[in-house]
Amino acid sequence: MLTVGKAYSTKNGKTFSCEKDIGEIDTIFPFGGWVYNSDGSKDRFAYYTRGGTYKLTKSEYDLII
């Protein structure tokens, strides 16, 4: 399970900063935040499952937990 306020590495070397939990609205992808490139620039705003997956299938954006 992810924690709001923590940062996590993705499989493709980016960093996900977990900023909010919308579990009361979305039970499949409850954790949202920005994904940052290695240079600190924003890549995308993303939502993740409780287990740290970006999509329901494997993705390079999945988190290393």
C-alpha atoms as a PDB file:
ATOM      1  CA  MET A   1       0.000   0.000   0.000  1.00  0.00           C
ATOM      2  CA  LEU A   2       1.238   3.479  -0.849  1.00  0.00           C
ATOM      3  CA  THR A   3       1.595   6.350   1.594  1.00  0.00           C
ATOM      4  CA  VAL A   4       0.680   9.973   0.853  1.00  0.00           C
ATOM      5  CA  GLY A   5       3.762  12.163   1.208  1.00  0.00           C
ATOM      6  CA  LYS A   6       6.262   9.474   0.163  1.00  0.00           C
ATOM      7  CA  ALA A   7       8.170   9.173  -3.104  1.00  0.00           C
ATOM      8  CA  TYR A   8       8.596   5.907  -4.995  1.00  0.00           C
ATOM      9  CA  SER A   9      10.853   4.862  -7.872  1.00  0.00           C
ATOM     10  CA  THR A  10       9.344   3.530 -11.083  1.00  0.00           C
ATOM     11  CA  LYS A  11      10.725   0.643 -13.135  1.00  0.00           C
ATOM     12  CA  ASN A  12      11.796   3.103 -15.849  1.00  0.00           C
ATOM     13  CA  GLY A  13      13.901   5.253 -13.489  1.00  0.00           C
ATOM     14  CA  LYS A  14      11.412   8.034 -12.800  1.00  0.00           C
ATOM     15  CA  THR A  15      10.046   9.094  -9.401  1.00  0.00           C
ATOM     16  CA  PHE A  16       6.392   9.111  -8.329  1.00  0.00           C
ATOM     17  CA  SER A  17       5.471  11.551  -5.554  1.00  0.00           C
ATOM     18  CA  CYS A  18       2.288  10.269  -3.888  1.00  0.00           C
ATOM     19  CA  GLU A  19       0.185  13.372  -3.206  1.00  0.00           C
ATOM     20  CA  LYS A  20      -3.375  12.223  -2.602  1.00  0.00           C
ATOM     21  CA  ASP A  21      -5.573   9.272  -1.726  1.00  0.00           C
ATOM     22  CA  ILE A  22      -8.966   9.298  -3.420  1.00  0.00           C
ATOM     23  CA  GLY A  23      -9.908   5.812  -2.236  1.00  0.00           C
ATOM     24  CA  GLU A  24     -13.398   6.941  -1.271  1.00  0.00           C
ATOM     25  CA  ILE A  25     -14.011   7.846  -4.951  1.00  0.00           C
ATOM     26  CA  ASP A  26     -11.811   5.381  -6.868  1.00  0.00           C
ATOM     27  CA  THR A  27     -11.054   2.018  -5.281  1.00  0.00           C
ATOM     28  CA  ILE A  28      -8.986   0.695  -8.219  1.00  0.00           C
ATOM     29  CA  PHE A  29      -6.552   3.620  -8.689  1.00  0.00           C
ATOM     30  CA  PRO A  30      -6.768   5.538  -5.396  1.00  0.00           C
ATOM     31  CA  PHE A  31      -3.289   7.111  -5.209  1.00  0.00           C
ATOM     32  CA  GLY A  32      -2.447  10.148  -7.328  1.00  0.00           C
ATOM     33  CA  GLY A  33       0.606  12.292  -7.794  1.00  0.00           C
ATOM     34  CA  TRP A  34       3.232  13.590 -10.172  1.00  0.00           C
ATOM     35  CA  VAL A  35       5.773  11.404 -11.947  1.00  0.00           C
ATOM     36  CA  TYR A  36       9.106  13.228 -12.294  1.00  0.00           C
ATOM     37  CA  ASN A  37      11.931  12.660 -14.770  1.00  0.00           C
ATOM     38  CA  SER A  38      15.479  12.209 -13.480  1.00  0.00           C
ATOM     39  CA  ASP A  39      16.192  15.910 -14.169  1.00  0.00           C
ATOM     40  CA  GLY A  40      13.287  16.942 -11.889  1.00  0.00           C
ATOM     41  CA  SER A  41      10.906  17.971 -14.668  1.00  0.00           C
ATOM     42  CA  LYS A  42       7.315  16.714 -14.554  1.00  0.00           C
ATOM     43  CA  ASP A  43       6.494  13.762 -16.793  1.00  0.00           C
ATOM     44  CA  ARG A  44       2.797  13.238 -16.013  1.00  0.00           C
ATOM     45  CA  PHE A  45       0.167  13.169 -13.297  1.00  0.00           C
ATOM     46  CA  ALA A  46      -0.669   9.537 -12.613  1.00  0.00           C
ATOM     47  CA  TYR A  47      -2.925   7.356 -10.509  1.00  0.00           C
ATOM     48  CA  TYR A  48      -1.754   4.060  -9.028  1.00  0.00           C
ATOM     49  CA  THR A  49      -3.319   0.986  -7.468  1.00  0.00           C
ATOM     50  CA  ARG A  50      -2.706   0.145  -3.806  1.00  0.00           C
ATOM     51  CA  GLY A  51      -0.026  -2.299  -4.983  1.00  0.00           C
ATOM     52  CA  GLY A  52       1.837   0.314  -7.041  1.00  0.00           C
ATOM     53  CA  THR A  53       0.775  -0.609 -10.566  1.00  0.00           C
ATOM     54  CA  TYR A  54       0.142   2.094 -13.160  1.00  0.00           C
ATOM     55  CA  LYS A  55      -2.228   0.051 -15.344  1.00  0.00           C
ATOM     56  CA  LEU A  56      -4.035  -3.238 -14.904  1.00  0.00           C
ATOM     57  CA  THR A  57      -1.302  -4.824 -17.068  1.00  0.00           C
ATOM     58  CA  LYS A  58       2.469  -4.564 -16.557  1.00  0.00           C
ATOM     59  CA  SER A  59       3.958  -1.152 -17.292  1.00  0.00           C
ATOM     60  CA  GLU A  60       7.361   0.535 -17.190  1.00  0.00           C
ATOM     61  CA  TYR A  61       5.674   3.077 -14.886  1.00  0.00           C
ATOM     62  CA  ASP A  62       4.946   0.433 -12.207  1.00  0.00           C
ATOM     63  CA  LEU A  63       6.517   1.272  -8.857  1.00  0.00           C
ATOM     64  CA  ILE A  64       9.403  -0.536  -7.195  1.00  0.00           C
ATOM     65  CA  ILE A  65       8.073  -1.183  -3.701  1.00  0.00           C
END
